[in-house]
Amino acid sequence: MAKGGYLGEFEHLVLLALLRVDDAYGVTVRHEIAARTDRDVAIGAVYATLDRLEEKGYVKSWTGEPTAERGGRAKRHFRVTAKGMAAVNRTHEALRSMAEGIAGVRSFA
């Protein structure tokens, strides 16, 4: 497979977080990753990764309506595209295949 066909570790986590949360935006992605991995993540790293994933066509973003609780600022929302879903599945399959049959490595779906 050509270089770039698989997701990096953090890209993978960000896409999985997007798939898990409703109303996905940077802060909810950051919280989901922290809650599920016990990993403190900088919000800048999340947004840099979301921008990179959007450039690759793996996510799509749009700006919501401004809200009073955010001081009149709007949230930038994200969703995973079909191309992004294919990248998640491709990466999952590669990891599963690499781990298959190795003693002490638990399989995943």
Protein backbone atom coordinates (compact mmCIF):
# COMPACT_ATOMS: atom_id res chain seq x y z
CA MET A 1 0.00 0.00 0.00
CA ALA A 2 1.22 3.49 -0.77
CA LYS A 3 2.57 5.67 2.02
CA GLY A 4 -0.24 7.52 3.71
CA GLY A 5 -2.70 4.66 3.46
CA TYR A 6 -2.75 4.11 7.22
CA LEU A 7 -3.54 6.46 10.05
CA GLY A 8 -1.00 7.57 12.61
CA GLU A 9 -1.74 6.75 16.24
CA PHE A 10 -3.16 10.15 17.17
CA GLU A 11 -5.09 10.51 13.91
CA HIS A 12 -6.63 7.12 14.66
CA LEU A 13 -7.64 8.21 18.17
CA VAL A 14 -9.14 11.47 16.90
CA LEU A 15 -11.23 9.71 14.24
CA LEU A 16 -12.43 7.12 16.74
CA ALA A 17 -13.38 9.90 19.17
CA LEU A 18 -15.34 11.66 16.42
CA LEU A 19 -17.23 8.45 15.76
CA ARG A 20 -18.05 8.05 19.47
CA VAL A 21 -19.39 11.50 20.37
CA ASP A 22 -22.51 13.35 19.35
CA ASP A 23 -22.01 17.00 18.43
CA ALA A 24 -18.29 16.51 17.85
CA TYR A 25 -16.00 19.50 18.10
CA GLY A 26 -12.46 19.98 19.43
CA VAL A 27 -13.28 20.01 23.13
CA THR A 28 -15.54 16.95 22.99
CA VAL A 29 -12.88 15.07 21.01
CA ARG A 30 -10.24 16.04 23.58
CA HIS A 31 -12.46 14.90 26.47
CA GLU A 32 -13.30 11.58 24.80
CA ILE A 33 -9.64 10.77 24.18
CA ALA A 34 -8.71 11.73 27.76
CA ALA A 35 -11.57 9.68 29.24
CA ARG A 36 -10.84 6.54 27.23
CA THR A 37 -7.04 6.58 27.15
CA ASP A 38 -6.14 8.44 30.37
CA ARG A 39 -3.99 10.63 28.14
CA ASP A 40 -3.82 14.39 28.63
CA VAL A 41 -4.12 15.96 25.20
CA ALA A 42 -3.50 19.58 24.27
CA ILE A 43 -6.42 21.19 22.48
CA GLY A 44 -3.98 22.59 19.91
CA ALA A 45 -2.88 19.06 19.03
CA VAL A 46 -6.51 18.06 18.53
CA TYR A 47 -7.24 20.98 16.21
CA ALA A 48 -3.98 20.53 14.26
CA THR A 49 -4.90 16.88 13.73
CA LEU A 50 -8.47 17.72 12.74
CA ASP A 51 -7.14 20.23 10.20
CA ARG A 52 -4.75 17.61 8.77
CA LEU A 53 -7.54 15.01 8.61
CA GLU A 54 -9.76 17.49 6.80
CA GLU A 55 -6.98 18.22 4.27
CA LYS A 56 -6.80 14.45 3.62
CA GLY A 57 -10.58 14.30 3.15
CA TYR A 58 -11.11 12.10 6.22
CA VAL A 59 -13.30 14.61 8.08
CA LYS A 60 -15.63 17.43 7.12
CA SER A 61 -16.18 20.52 9.24
CA TRP A 62 -18.80 23.24 9.45
CA THR A 63 -19.38 26.22 11.70
CA GLY A 64 -22.40 26.17 13.99
CA GLU A 65 -24.39 29.11 15.22
CA PRO A 66 -22.80 31.51 17.73
CA THR A 67 -23.92 30.89 21.32
CA ALA A 68 -24.18 33.24 24.27
CA GLU A 69 -22.40 30.80 26.62
CA ARG A 70 -19.37 30.97 24.29
CA GLY A 71 -19.37 34.77 24.26
CA GLY A 72 -21.00 34.87 20.84
CA ARG A 73 -18.45 32.56 19.25
CA ALA A 74 -19.47 29.63 17.07
CA LYS A 75 -18.26 26.04 17.40
CA ARG A 76 -16.52 24.25 14.54
CA HIS A 77 -18.17 20.85 14.25
CA PHE A 78 -16.69 17.74 12.62
CA ARG A 79 -17.88 14.46 11.15
CA VAL A 80 -16.00 11.51 9.67
CA THR A 81 -16.37 11.10 5.89
CA ALA A 82 -16.66 7.80 4.01
CA LYS A 83 -12.98 8.17 3.10
CA GLY A 84 -12.15 8.62 6.80
CA MET A 85 -14.17 5.55 7.74
CA ALA A 86 -12.29 3.54 5.13
CA ALA A 87 -8.99 4.74 6.63
CA VAL A 88 -10.11 3.66 10.13
CA ASN A 89 -11.10 0.23 8.84
CA ARG A 90 -7.90 -0.14 6.81
CA THR A 91 -5.77 0.79 9.85
CA HIS A 92 -7.75 -1.53 12.13
CA GLU A 93 -7.31 -4.43 9.71
CA ALA A 94 -3.56 -3.82 9.41
CA LEU A 95 -3.15 -3.73 13.21
CA ARG A 96 -5.28 -6.85 13.65
CA SER A 97 -3.28 -8.68 11.01
CA MET A 98 0.05 -7.66 12.53
CA ALA A 99 -1.02 -8.72 16.04
CA GLU A 100 -2.62 -12.01 14.97
CA GLY A 101 -0.95 -15.02 16.54
CA ILE A 102 1.48 -13.10 18.74
CA ALA A 103 1.48 -14.53 22.27
CA GLY A 104 0.33 -12.03 24.87
CA VAL A 105 -1.33 -9.67 22.38
CA ARG A 106 -5.09 -9.45 22.76
CA SER A 107 -7.12 -9.38 19.59
CA PHE A 108 -9.59 -6.64 18.88
CA ALA A 109 -12.52 -6.34 16.52
